[in-house]
Amino acid sequence: MSYSTPHLRKNAQALRRNMTKEERHLWYDFLKFLPQTVHRQKVIGPYIVDFYCAAAKLVIELDGEQHYAPSGKAADAQRDAYLHHLGLTVVRYSNLEIQQNFEGVCTDILQHIQ
């Protein structure tokens, strides 16, 4: 079954237009300039991931406060299990990490890509 419905694609487009401050920082100051293609707000199955590098089979997620609530943790666990089942690696960084340790996040992402 294909999950890439017009509804999901439309949501992904809206999310690309309205990225969070941390997503914009990571995209415009790092990911956009990598030699590997990285997609923003990519539809994978029934989910929209923040960033996806197909060459590395890598999903990059930036987590705000809602991800640390019990319901957010449960939803993330289900989503990560689905993505792992597809053979993808999921890395998560908090918005605080983007704000306070941007260089470290970028170094970690590079290690996952190479």
PDB file of N, CA and C in Angstrom:
ATOM      1  N   MET A   1       0.836  -1.197   0.000  1.00  0.00           N
ATOM      2  CA  MET A   1       0.000   0.000   0.000  1.00  0.00           C
ATOM      3  C   MET A   1       0.874   1.251   0.000  1.00  0.00           C
ATOM      4  N   SER A   2       0.584   2.177  -0.852  1.00  0.00           N
ATOM      5  CA  SER A   2       1.336   3.419  -0.920  1.00  0.00           C
ATOM      6  C   SER A   2       0.745   4.431   0.058  1.00  0.00           C
ATOM      7  N   TYR A   3       1.621   4.956   0.890  1.00  0.00           N
ATOM      8  CA  TYR A   3       1.169   5.939   1.881  1.00  0.00           C
ATOM      9  C   TYR A   3       1.334   7.362   1.380  1.00  0.00           C
ATOM     10  N   SER A   4       2.060   7.541   0.277  1.00  0.00           N
ATOM     11  CA  SER A   4       2.355   8.885  -0.205  1.00  0.00           C
ATOM     12  C   SER A   4       1.114   9.489  -0.853  1.00  0.00           C
ATOM     13  N   THR A   5       0.149   9.760  -0.027  1.00  0.00           N
ATOM     14  CA  THR A   5      -1.104  10.319  -0.489  1.00  0.00           C
ATOM     15  C   THR A   5      -0.941  11.804  -0.780  1.00  0.00           C
ATOM     16  N   PRO A   6      -1.836  12.361  -1.567  1.00  0.00           N
ATOM     17  CA  PRO A   6      -1.779  13.809  -1.785  1.00  0.00           C
ATOM     18  C   PRO A   6      -1.818  14.582  -0.463  1.00  0.00           C
ATOM     19  N   HIS A   7      -2.545  14.053   0.512  1.00  0.00           N
ATOM     20  CA  HIS A   7      -2.637  14.717   1.822  1.00  0.00           C
ATOM     21  C   HIS A   7      -1.262  14.773   2.499  1.00  0.00           C
ATOM     22  N   LEU A   8      -0.532  13.654   2.508  1.00  0.00           N
ATOM     23  CA  LEU A   8       0.805  13.631   3.125  1.00  0.00           C
ATOM     24  C   LEU A   8       1.764  14.540   2.360  1.00  0.00           C
ATOM     25  N   ARG A   9       1.709  14.485   1.042  1.00  0.00           N
ATOM     26  CA  ARG A   9       2.600  15.332   0.242  1.00  0.00           C
ATOM     27  C   ARG A   9       2.310  16.813   0.492  1.00  0.00           C
ATOM     28  N   LYS A  10       1.040  17.149   0.607  1.00  0.00           N
ATOM     29  CA  LYS A  10       0.657  18.537   0.871  1.00  0.00           C
ATOM     30  C   LYS A  10       1.156  18.977   2.257  1.00  0.00           C
ATOM     31  N   ASN A  11       1.028  18.093   3.236  1.00  0.00           N
ATOM     32  CA  ASN A  11       1.541  18.399   4.582  1.00  0.00           C
ATOM     33  C   ASN A  11       3.052  18.588   4.556  1.00  0.00           C
ATOM     34  N   ALA A  12       3.746  17.740   3.810  1.00  0.00           N
ATOM     35  CA  ALA A  12       5.204  17.844   3.715  1.00  0.00           C
ATOM     36  C   ALA A  12       5.603  19.187   3.092  1.00  0.00           C
ATOM     37  N   GLN A  13       4.888  19.595   2.056  1.00  0.00           N
ATOM     38  CA  GLN A  13       5.174  20.882   1.425  1.00  0.00           C
ATOM     39  C   GLN A  13       4.969  22.028   2.408  1.00  0.00           C
ATOM     40  N   ALA A  14       3.905  21.957   3.186  1.00  0.00           N
ATOM     41  CA  ALA A  14       3.631  23.002   4.185  1.00  0.00           C
ATOM     42  C   ALA A  14       4.730  23.025   5.240  1.00  0.00           C
ATOM     43  N   LEU A  15       5.177  21.849   5.656  1.00  0.00           N
ATOM     44  CA  LEU A  15       6.246  21.781   6.658  1.00  0.00           C
ATOM     45  C   LEU A  15       7.552  22.342   6.104  1.00  0.00           C
ATOM     46  N   ARG A  16       7.826  22.140   4.821  1.00  0.00           N
ATOM     47  CA  ARG A  16       9.036  22.714   4.210  1.00  0.00           C
ATOM     48  C   ARG A  16       8.962  24.235   4.203  1.00  0.00           C
ATOM     49  N   ARG A  17       7.773  24.755   3.940  1.00  0.00           N
ATOM     50  CA  ARG A  17       7.599  26.219   3.914  1.00  0.00           C
ATOM     51  C   ARG A  17       7.669  26.817   5.316  1.00  0.00           C
ATOM     52  N   ASN A  18       7.322  26.034   6.326  1.00  0.00           N
ATOM     53  CA  ASN A  18       7.229  26.550   7.693  1.00  0.00           C
ATOM     54  C   ASN A  18       8.152  25.796   8.644  1.00  0.00           C
ATOM     55  N   MET A  19       9.418  25.634   8.242  1.00  0.00           N
ATOM     56  CA  MET A  19      10.370  24.921   9.093  1.00  0.00           C
ATOM     57  C   MET A  19      10.573  25.670  10.407  1.00  0.00           C
ATOM     58  N   THR A  20      10.906  24.904  11.433  1.00  0.00           N
ATOM     59  CA  THR A  20      11.234  25.525  12.717  1.00  0.00           C
ATOM     60  C   THR A  20      12.565  26.263  12.591  1.00  0.00           C
ATOM     61  N   LYS A  21      12.860  27.098  13.541  1.00  0.00           N
ATOM     62  CA  LYS A  21      14.120  27.841  13.552  1.00  0.00           C
ATOM     63  C   LYS A  21      15.307  26.876  13.512  1.00  0.00           C
ATOM     64  N   GLU A  22      15.217  25.780  14.273  1.00  0.00           N
ATOM     65  CA  GLU A  22      16.308  24.812  14.337  1.00  0.00           C
ATOM     66  C   GLU A  22      16.446  24.038  13.016  1.00  0.00           C
ATOM     67  N   GLU A  23      15.317  23.698  12.398  1.00  0.00           N
ATOM     68  CA  GLU A  23      15.360  23.025  11.098  1.00  0.00           C
ATOM     69  C   GLU A  23      15.992  23.935  10.044  1.00  0.00           C
ATOM     70  N   ARG A  24      15.604  25.206  10.050  1.00  0.00           N
ATOM     71  CA  ARG A  24      16.183  26.165   9.089  1.00  0.00           C
ATOM     72  C   ARG A  24      17.693  26.272   9.294  1.00  0.00           C
ATOM     73  N   HIS A  25      18.118  26.368  10.550  1.00  0.00           N
ATOM     74  CA  HIS A  25      19.551  26.486  10.868  1.00  0.00           C
ATOM     75  C   HIS A  25      20.312  25.270  10.340  1.00  0.00           C
ATOM     76  N   LEU A  26      19.831  24.069  10.639  1.00  0.00           N
ATOM     77  CA  LEU A  26      20.519  22.860  10.201  1.00  0.00           C
ATOM     78  C   LEU A  26      20.513  22.764   8.675  1.00  0.00           C
ATOM     79  N   TRP A  27      19.398  23.101   8.038  1.00  0.00           N
ATOM     80  CA  TRP A  27      19.306  23.009   6.586  1.00  0.00           C
ATOM     81  C   TRP A  27      20.190  24.042   5.901  1.00  0.00           C
ATOM     82  N   TYR A  28      19.985  25.309   6.192  1.00  0.00           N
ATOM     83  CA  TYR A  28      20.669  26.374   5.461  1.00  0.00           C
ATOM     84  C   TYR A  28      22.136  26.532   5.836  1.00  0.00           C
ATOM     85  N   ASP A  29      22.527  26.077   7.010  1.00  0.00           N
ATOM     86  CA  ASP A  29      23.906  26.252   7.447  1.00  0.00           C
ATOM     87  C   ASP A  29      24.733  24.974   7.379  1.00  0.00           C
ATOM     88  N   PHE A  30      24.114  23.840   6.967  1.00  0.00           N
ATOM     89  CA  PHE A  30      24.889  22.610   6.908  1.00  0.00           C
ATOM     90  C   PHE A  30      24.380  21.615   5.849  1.00  0.00           C
ATOM     91  N   LEU A  31      23.206  21.068   6.031  1.00  0.00           N
ATOM     92  CA  LEU A  31      22.742  19.959   5.199  1.00  0.00           C
ATOM     93  C   LEU A  31      22.652  20.308   3.719  1.00  0.00           C
ATOM     94  N   LYS A  32      22.249  21.514   3.423  1.00  0.00           N
ATOM     95  CA  LYS A  32      22.068  21.955   2.035  1.00  0.00           C
ATOM     96  C   LYS A  32      23.375  21.889   1.243  1.00  0.00           C
ATOM     97  N   PHE A  33      24.500  21.968   1.931  1.00  0.00           N
ATOM     98  CA  PHE A  33      25.798  22.046   1.261  1.00  0.00           C
ATOM     99  C   PHE A  33      26.545  20.714   1.222  1.00  0.00           C
ATOM    100  N   LEU A  34      25.947  19.662   1.744  1.00  0.00           N
ATOM    101  CA  LEU A  34      26.590  18.353   1.690  1.00  0.00           C
ATOM    102  C   LEU A  34      26.624  17.851   0.253  1.00  0.00           C
ATOM    103  N   PRO A  35      27.640  17.065  -0.103  1.00  0.00           N
ATOM    104  CA  PRO A  35      27.673  16.513  -1.463  1.00  0.00           C
ATOM    105  C   PRO A  35      26.571  15.466  -1.695  1.00  0.00           C
ATOM    106  N   GLN A  36      26.104  14.835  -0.630  1.00  0.00           N
ATOM    107  CA  GLN A  36      25.001  13.883  -0.742  1.00  0.00           C
ATOM    108  C   GLN A  36      23.684  14.660  -0.759  1.00  0.00           C
ATOM    109  N   THR A  37      22.714  14.136  -1.476  1.00  0.00           N
ATOM    110  CA  THR A  37      21.409  14.776  -1.514  1.00  0.00           C
ATOM    111  C   THR A  37      20.674  14.508  -0.210  1.00  0.00           C
ATOM    112  N   VAL A  38      20.174  15.558   0.389  1.00  0.00           N
ATOM    113  CA  VAL A  38      19.367  15.461   1.605  1.00  0.00           C
ATOM    114  C   VAL A  38      18.020  16.106   1.297  1.00  0.00           C
ATOM    115  N   HIS A  39      16.955  15.381   1.611  1.00  0.00           N
ATOM    116  CA  HIS A  39      15.601  15.891   1.379  1.00  0.00           C
ATOM    117  C   HIS A  39      15.033  16.435   2.684  1.00  0.00           C
ATOM    118  N   ARG A  40      14.288  17.509   2.575  1.00  0.00           N
ATOM    119  CA  ARG A  40      13.582  18.081   3.726  1.00  0.00           C
ATOM    120  C   ARG A  40      12.159  17.569   3.732  1.00  0.00           C
ATOM    121  N   GLN A  41      11.654  17.274   4.939  1.00  0.00           N
ATOM    122  CA  GLN A  41      10.255  16.888   5.105  1.00  0.00           C
ATOM    123  C   GLN A  41       9.850  15.852   4.060  1.00  0.00           C
ATOM    124  N   LYS A  42      10.515  14.724   4.098  1.00  0.00           N
ATOM    125  CA  LYS A  42      10.329  13.638   3.129  1.00  0.00           C
ATOM    126  C   LYS A  42       9.272  12.655   3.611  1.00  0.00           C
ATOM    127  N   VAL A  43       8.365  12.301   2.736  1.00  0.00           N
ATOM    128  CA  VAL A  43       7.353  11.291   3.045  1.00  0.00           C
ATOM    129  C   VAL A  43       7.994   9.917   2.898  1.00  0.00           C
ATOM    130  N   ILE A  44       7.963   9.142   3.978  1.00  0.00           N
ATOM    131  CA  ILE A  44       8.422   7.754   3.963  1.00  0.00           C
ATOM    132  C   ILE A  44       7.316   6.939   4.617  1.00  0.00           C
ATOM    133  N   GLY A  45       6.647   6.132   3.802  1.00  0.00           N
ATOM    134  CA  GLY A  45       5.519   5.354   4.310  1.00  0.00           C
ATOM    135  C   GLY A  45       4.454   6.293   4.838  1.00  0.00           C
ATOM    136  N   PRO A  46       3.959   6.021   6.053  1.00  0.00           N
ATOM    137  CA  PRO A  46       2.895   6.868   6.610  1.00  0.00           C
ATOM    138  C   PRO A  46       3.435   8.069   7.392  1.00  0.00           C
ATOM    139  N   TYR A  47       4.738   8.337   7.271  1.00  0.00           N
ATOM    140  CA  TYR A  47       5.366   9.384   8.079  1.00  0.00           C
ATOM    141  C   TYR A  47       6.020  10.450   7.208  1.00  0.00           C
ATOM    142  N   ILE A  48       6.205  11.614   7.799  1.00  0.00           N
ATOM    143  CA  ILE A  48       6.999  12.680   7.197  1.00  0.00           C
ATOM    144  C   ILE A  48       8.191  12.871   8.119  1.00  0.00           C
ATOM    145  N   VAL A  49       9.398  12.624   7.582  1.00  0.00           N
ATOM    146  CA  VAL A  49      10.603  12.777   8.394  1.00  0.00           C
ATOM    147  C   VAL A  49      11.192  14.158   8.151  1.00  0.00           C
ATOM    148  N   ASP A  50      11.917  14.679   9.140  1.00  0.00           N
ATOM    149  CA  ASP A  50      12.474  16.025   9.016  1.00  0.00           C
ATOM    150  C   ASP A  50      13.470  16.109   7.856  1.00  0.00           C
ATOM    151  N   PHE A  51      14.465  15.199   7.866  1.00  0.00           N
ATOM    152  CA  PHE A  51      15.480  15.187   6.813  1.00  0.00           C
ATOM    153  C   PHE A  51      15.805  13.736   6.470  1.00  0.00           C
ATOM    154  N   TYR A  52      16.114  13.491   5.191  1.00  0.00           N
ATOM    155  CA  TYR A  52      16.411  12.129   4.753  1.00  0.00           C
ATOM    156  C   TYR A  52      17.534  12.139   3.728  1.00  0.00           C
ATOM    157  N   CYS A  53      18.561  11.331   3.989  1.00  0.00           N
ATOM    158  CA  CYS A  53      19.675  11.141   3.057  1.00  0.00           C
ATOM    159  C   CYS A  53      19.615   9.700   2.570  1.00  0.00           C
ATOM    160  N   ALA A  54      19.130   9.501   1.336  1.00  0.00           N
ATOM    161  CA  ALA A  54      18.955   8.152   0.791  1.00  0.00           C
ATOM    162  C   ALA A  54      20.294   7.435   0.633  1.00  0.00           C
ATOM    163  N   ALA A  55      21.342   8.157   0.231  1.00  0.00           N
ATOM    164  CA  ALA A  55      22.645   7.533   0.003  1.00  0.00           C
ATOM    165  C   ALA A  55      23.172   6.868   1.276  1.00  0.00           C
ATOM    166  N   ALA A  56      22.848   7.432   2.430  1.00  0.00           N
ATOM    167  CA  ALA A  56      23.308   6.889   3.712  1.00  0.00           C
ATOM    168  C   ALA A  56      22.209   6.124   4.440  1.00  0.00           C
ATOM    169  N   LYS A  57      21.016   6.072   3.835  1.00  0.00           N
ATOM    170  CA  LYS A  57      19.849   5.465   4.496  1.00  0.00           C
ATOM    171  C   LYS A  57      19.686   6.054   5.902  1.00  0.00           C
ATOM    172  N   LEU A  58      19.752   7.385   5.953  1.00  0.00           N
ATOM    173  CA  LEU A  58      19.760   8.110   7.223  1.00  0.00           C
ATOM    174  C   LEU A  58      18.578   9.067   7.328  1.00  0.00           C
ATOM    175  N   VAL A  59      17.864   8.959   8.433  1.00  0.00           N
ATOM    176  CA  VAL A  59      16.785   9.881   8.776  1.00  0.00           C
ATOM    177  C   VAL A  59      17.287  10.751   9.923  1.00  0.00           C
ATOM    178  N   ILE A  60      17.140  12.058   9.782  1.00  0.00           N
ATOM    179  CA  ILE A  60      17.559  13.006  10.812  1.00  0.00           C
ATOM    180  C   ILE A  60      16.312  13.683  11.342  1.00  0.00           C
ATOM    181  N   GLU A  61      16.095  13.545  12.635  1.00  0.00           N
ATOM    182  CA  GLU A  61      14.925  14.134  13.279  1.00  0.00           C
ATOM    183  C   GLU A  61      15.373  15.167  14.309  1.00  0.00           C
ATOM    184  N   LEU A  62      14.699  16.304  14.324  1.00  0.00           N
ATOM    185  CA  LEU A  62      14.925  17.331  15.336  1.00  0.00           C
ATOM    186  C   LEU A  62      13.726  17.319  16.268  1.00  0.00           C
ATOM    187  N   ASP A  63      14.001  17.172  17.537  1.00  0.00           N
ATOM    188  CA  ASP A  63      12.940  16.991  18.521  1.00  0.00           C
ATOM    189  C   ASP A  63      12.729  18.217  19.394  1.00  0.00           C
ATOM    190  N   GLY A  64      11.501  18.708  19.370  1.00  0.00           N
ATOM    191  CA  GLY A  64      11.079  19.775  20.274  1.00  0.00           C
ATOM    192  C   GLY A  64      10.464  19.167  21.524  1.00  0.00           C
ATOM    193  N   GLU A  65       9.897  20.001  22.352  1.00  0.00           N
ATOM    194  CA  GLU A  65       9.349  19.580  23.650  1.00  0.00           C
ATOM    195  C   GLU A  65       8.352  18.438  23.554  1.00  0.00           C
ATOM    196  N   GLN A  66       7.486  18.448  22.540  1.00  0.00           N
ATOM    197  CA  GLN A  66       6.424  17.455  22.430  1.00  0.00           C
ATOM    198  C   GLN A  66       6.978  16.034  22.332  1.00  0.00           C
ATOM    199  N   HIS A  67       8.215  15.883  21.894  1.00  0.00           N
ATOM    200  CA  HIS A  67       8.806  14.556  21.748  1.00  0.00           C
ATOM    201  C   HIS A  67       9.209  13.943  23.083  1.00  0.00           C
ATOM    202  N   TYR A  68       9.230  14.739  24.131  1.00  0.00           N
ATOM    203  CA  TYR A  68       9.663  14.242  25.437  1.00  0.00           C
ATOM    204  C   TYR A  68       8.496  13.911  26.359  1.00  0.00           C
ATOM    205  N   ALA A  69       7.291  14.205  25.932  1.00  0.00           N
ATOM    206  CA  ALA A  69       6.084  13.806  26.669  1.00  0.00           C
ATOM    207  C   ALA A  69       5.871  12.309  26.428  1.00  0.00           C
ATOM    208  N   PRO A  70       5.207  11.615  27.348  1.00  0.00           N
ATOM    209  CA  PRO A  70       4.983  10.167  27.163  1.00  0.00           C
ATOM    210  C   PRO A  70       4.351   9.818  25.812  1.00  0.00           C
ATOM    211  N   SER A  71       3.361  10.582  25.382  1.00  0.00           N
ATOM    212  CA  SER A  71       2.724  10.274  24.096  1.00  0.00           C
ATOM    213  C   SER A  71       3.691  10.505  22.934  1.00  0.00           C
ATOM    214  N   GLY A  72       4.528  11.519  23.039  1.00  0.00           N
ATOM    215  CA  GLY A  72       5.521  11.793  22.002  1.00  0.00           C
ATOM    216  C   GLY A  72       6.571  10.703  21.926  1.00  0.00           C
ATOM    217  N   LYS A  73       7.009  10.237  23.085  1.00  0.00           N
ATOM    218  CA  LYS A  73       7.997   9.149  23.114  1.00  0.00           C
ATOM    219  C   LYS A  73       7.426   7.882  22.500  1.00  0.00           C
ATOM    220  N   ALA A  74       6.183   7.585  22.806  1.00  0.00           N
ATOM    221  CA  ALA A  74       5.541   6.382  22.259  1.00  0.00           C
ATOM    222  C   ALA A  74       5.398   6.487  20.743  1.00  0.00           C
ATOM    223  N   ALA A  75       4.976   7.645  20.265  1.00  0.00           N
ATOM    224  CA  ALA A  75       4.814   7.845  18.816  1.00  0.00           C
ATOM    225  C   ALA A  75       6.168   7.746  18.115  1.00  0.00           C
ATOM    226  N   ASP A  76       7.203   8.326  18.715  1.00  0.00           N
ATOM    227  CA  ASP A  76       8.542   8.261  18.127  1.00  0.00           C
ATOM    228  C   ASP A  76       9.062   6.828  18.097  1.00  0.00           C
ATOM    229  N   ALA A  77       8.801   6.053  19.132  1.00  0.00           N
ATOM    230  CA  ALA A  77       9.248   4.655  19.174  1.00  0.00           C
ATOM    231  C   ALA A  77       8.590   3.856  18.050  1.00  0.00           C
ATOM    232  N   GLN A  78       7.300   4.082  17.834  1.00  0.00           N
ATOM    233  CA  GLN A  78       6.576   3.375  16.768  1.00  0.00           C
ATOM    234  C   GLN A  78       7.117   3.783  15.396  1.00  0.00           C
ATOM    235  N   ARG A  79       7.330   5.058  15.231  1.00  0.00           N
ATOM    236  CA  ARG A  79       7.837   5.590  13.966  1.00  0.00           C
ATOM    237  C   ARG A  79       9.250   5.069  13.693  1.00  0.00           C
ATOM    238  N   ASP A  80      10.112   5.100  14.724  1.00  0.00           N
ATOM    239  CA  ASP A  80      11.486   4.617  14.570  1.00  0.00           C
ATOM    240  C   ASP A  80      11.508   3.131  14.228  1.00  0.00           C
ATOM    241  N   ALA A  81      10.639   2.354  14.852  1.00  0.00           N
ATOM    242  CA  ALA A  81      10.576   0.912  14.564  1.00  0.00           C
ATOM    243  C   ALA A  81      10.211   0.689  13.096  1.00  0.00           C
ATOM    244  N   TYR A  82       9.260   1.444  12.599  1.00  0.00           N
ATOM    245  CA  TYR A  82       8.859   1.331  11.191  1.00  0.00           C
ATOM    246  C   TYR A  82      10.044   1.672  10.286  1.00  0.00           C
ATOM    247  N   LEU A  83      10.727   2.768  10.569  1.00  0.00           N
ATOM    248  CA  LEU A  83      11.851   3.200   9.735  1.00  0.00           C
ATOM    249  C   LEU A  83      13.005   2.206   9.812  1.00  0.00           C
ATOM    250  N   HIS A  84      13.283   1.669  11.000  1.00  0.00           N
ATOM    251  CA  HIS A  84      14.335   0.656  11.154  1.00  0.00           C
ATOM    252  C   HIS A  84      13.989  -0.590  10.339  1.00  0.00           C
ATOM    253  N   HIS A  85      12.711  -0.954  10.319  1.00  0.00           N
ATOM    254  CA  HIS A  85      12.258  -2.108   9.542  1.00  0.00           C
ATOM    255  C   HIS A  85      12.559  -1.922   8.051  1.00  0.00           C
ATOM    256  N   LEU A  86      12.594  -0.686   7.596  1.00  0.00           N
ATOM    257  CA  LEU A  86      12.926  -0.379   6.198  1.00  0.00           C
ATOM    258  C   LEU A  86      14.440  -0.345   5.963  1.00  0.00           C
ATOM    259  N   GLY A  87      15.212  -0.561   7.034  1.00  0.00           N
ATOM    260  CA  GLY A  87      16.669  -0.543   6.913  1.00  0.00           C
ATOM    261  C   GLY A  87      17.280   0.834   7.070  1.00  0.00           C
ATOM    262  N   LEU A  88      16.524   1.762   7.624  1.00  0.00           N
ATOM    263  CA  LEU A  88      17.005   3.133   7.801  1.00  0.00           C
ATOM    264  C   LEU A  88      17.550   3.330   9.215  1.00  0.00           C
ATOM    265  N   THR A  89      18.546   4.180   9.317  1.00  0.00           N
ATOM    266  CA  THR A  89      19.066   4.601  10.610  1.00  0.00           C
ATOM    267  C   THR A  89      18.403   5.925  10.961  1.00  0.00           C
ATOM    268  N   VAL A  90      17.938   6.041  12.194  1.00  0.00           N
ATOM    269  CA  VAL A  90      17.299   7.275  12.656  1.00  0.00           C
ATOM    270  C   VAL A  90      18.182   7.900  13.718  1.00  0.00           C
ATOM    271  N   VAL A  91      18.553   9.161  13.516  1.00  0.00           N
ATOM    272  CA  VAL A  91      19.282   9.906  14.541  1.00  0.00           C
ATOM    273  C   VAL A  91      18.404  11.072  14.966  1.00  0.00           C
ATOM    274  N   ARG A  92      18.396  11.316  16.257  1.00  0.00           N
ATOM    275  CA  ARG A  92      17.561  12.379  16.816  1.00  0.00           C
ATOM    276  C   ARG A  92      18.431  13.368  17.574  1.00  0.00           C
ATOM    277  N   TYR A  93      18.116  14.624  17.388  1.00  0.00           N
ATOM    278  CA  TYR A  93      18.790  15.705  18.108  1.00  0.00           C
ATOM    279  C   TYR A  93      17.722  16.624  18.670  1.00  0.00           C
ATOM    280  N   SER A  94      17.942  17.066  19.870  1.00  0.00           N
ATOM    281  CA  SER A  94      16.991  18.004  20.464  1.00  0.00           C
ATOM    282  C   SER A  94      17.221  19.392  19.872  1.00  0.00           C
ATOM    283  N   ASN A  95      16.201  20.205  19.924  1.00  0.00           N
ATOM    284  CA  ASN A  95      16.356  21.596  19.492  1.00  0.00           C
ATOM    285  C   ASN A  95      17.447  22.287  20.296  1.00  0.00           C
ATOM    286  N   LEU A  96      17.561  21.938  21.570  1.00  0.00           N
ATOM    287  CA  LEU A  96      18.594  22.517  22.425  1.00  0.00           C
ATOM    288  C   LEU A  96      19.992  22.155  21.921  1.00  0.00           C
ATOM    289  N   GLU A  97      20.167  20.919  21.447  1.00  0.00           N
ATOM    290  CA  GLU A  97      21.466  20.527  20.886  1.00  0.00           C
ATOM    291  C   GLU A  97      21.798  21.367  19.656  1.00  0.00           C
ATOM    292  N   ILE A  98      20.816  21.624  18.829  1.00  0.00           N
ATOM    293  CA  ILE A  98      21.034  22.454  17.639  1.00  0.00           C
ATOM    294  C   ILE A  98      21.460  23.858  18.071  1.00  0.00           C
ATOM    295  N   GLN A  99      20.825  24.379  19.092  1.00  0.00           N
ATOM    296  CA  GLN A  99      21.123  25.736  19.561  1.00  0.00           C
ATOM    297  C   GLN A  99      22.472  25.831  20.267  1.00  0.00           C
ATOM    298  N   GLN A 100      22.817  24.822  21.061  1.00  0.00           N
ATOM    299  CA  GLN A 100      23.998  24.932  21.920  1.00  0.00           C
ATOM    300  C   GLN A 100      25.217  24.149  21.434  1.00  0.00           C
ATOM    301  N   ASN A 101      25.019  23.174  20.554  1.00  0.00           N
ATOM    302  CA  ASN A 101      26.137  22.342  20.105  1.00  0.00           C
ATOM    303  C   ASN A 101      25.999  22.036  18.612  1.00  0.00           C
ATOM    304  N   PHE A 102      25.805  23.060  17.841  1.00  0.00           N
ATOM    305  CA  PHE A 102      25.564  22.886  16.407  1.00  0.00           C
ATOM    306  C   PHE A 102      26.719  22.156  15.726  1.00  0.00           C
ATOM    307  N   GLU A 103      27.925  22.545  16.036  1.00  0.00           N
ATOM    308  CA  GLU A 103      29.097  21.919  15.427  1.00  0.00           C
ATOM    309  C   GLU A 103      29.165  20.430  15.759  1.00  0.00           C
ATOM    310  N   GLY A 104      28.859  20.081  16.994  1.00  0.00           N
ATOM    311  CA  GLY A 104      28.856  18.680  17.407  1.00  0.00           C
ATOM    312  C   GLY A 104      27.791  17.872  16.681  1.00  0.00           C
ATOM    313  N   VAL A 105      26.616  18.455  16.489  1.00  0.00           N
ATOM    314  CA  VAL A 105      25.541  17.790  15.751  1.00  0.00           C
ATOM    315  C   VAL A 105      25.989  17.547  14.309  1.00  0.00           C
ATOM    316  N   CYS A 106      26.586  18.551  13.692  1.00  0.00           N
ATOM    317  CA  CYS A 106      27.039  18.424  12.304  1.00  0.00           C
ATOM    318  C   CYS A 106      28.107  17.328  12.180  1.00  0.00           C
ATOM    319  N   THR A 107      29.027  17.297  13.122  1.00  0.00           N
ATOM    320  CA  THR A 107      30.080  16.263  13.130  1.00  0.00           C
ATOM    321  C   THR A 107      29.454  14.884  13.258  1.00  0.00           C
ATOM    322  N   ASP A 108      28.465  14.745  14.116  1.00  0.00           N
ATOM    323  CA  ASP A 108      27.794  13.458  14.301  1.00  0.00           C
ATOM    324  C   ASP A 108      27.068  13.024  13.035  1.00  0.00           C
ATOM    325  N   ILE A 109      26.399  13.943  12.391  1.00  0.00           N
ATOM    326  CA  ILE A 109      25.699  13.634  11.146  1.00  0.00           C
ATOM    327  C   ILE A 109      26.698  13.173  10.088  1.00  0.00           C
ATOM    328  N   LEU A 110      27.813  13.866   9.965  1.00  0.00           N
ATOM    329  CA  LEU A 110      28.845  13.479   8.995  1.00  0.00           C
ATOM    330  C   LEU A 110      29.331  12.054   9.249  1.00  0.00           C
ATOM    331  N   GLN A 111      29.494  11.703  10.502  1.00  0.00           N
ATOM    332  CA  GLN A 111      29.948  10.346  10.832  1.00  0.00           C
ATOM    333  C   GLN A 111      28.922   9.310  10.391  1.00  0.00           C
ATOM    334  N   HIS A 112      27.662   9.624  10.495  1.00  0.00           N
ATOM    335  CA  HIS A 112      26.613   8.695  10.063  1.00  0.00           C
ATOM    336  C   HIS A 112      26.536   8.606   8.532  1.00  0.00           C
ATOM    337  N   ILE A 113      26.867   9.671   7.850  1.00  0.00           N
ATOM    338  CA  ILE A 113      26.785   9.694   6.394  1.00  0.00           C
ATOM    339  C   ILE A 113      27.973   8.987   5.754  1.00  0.00           C
ATOM    340  N   GLN A 114      29.136   9.114   6.365  1.00  0.00           N
ATOM    341  CA  GLN A 114      30.355   8.552   5.752  1.00  0.00           C
ATOM    342  C   GLN A 114      30.588   7.109   6.083  1.00  0.00           C
TER     343      GLN A 114
END
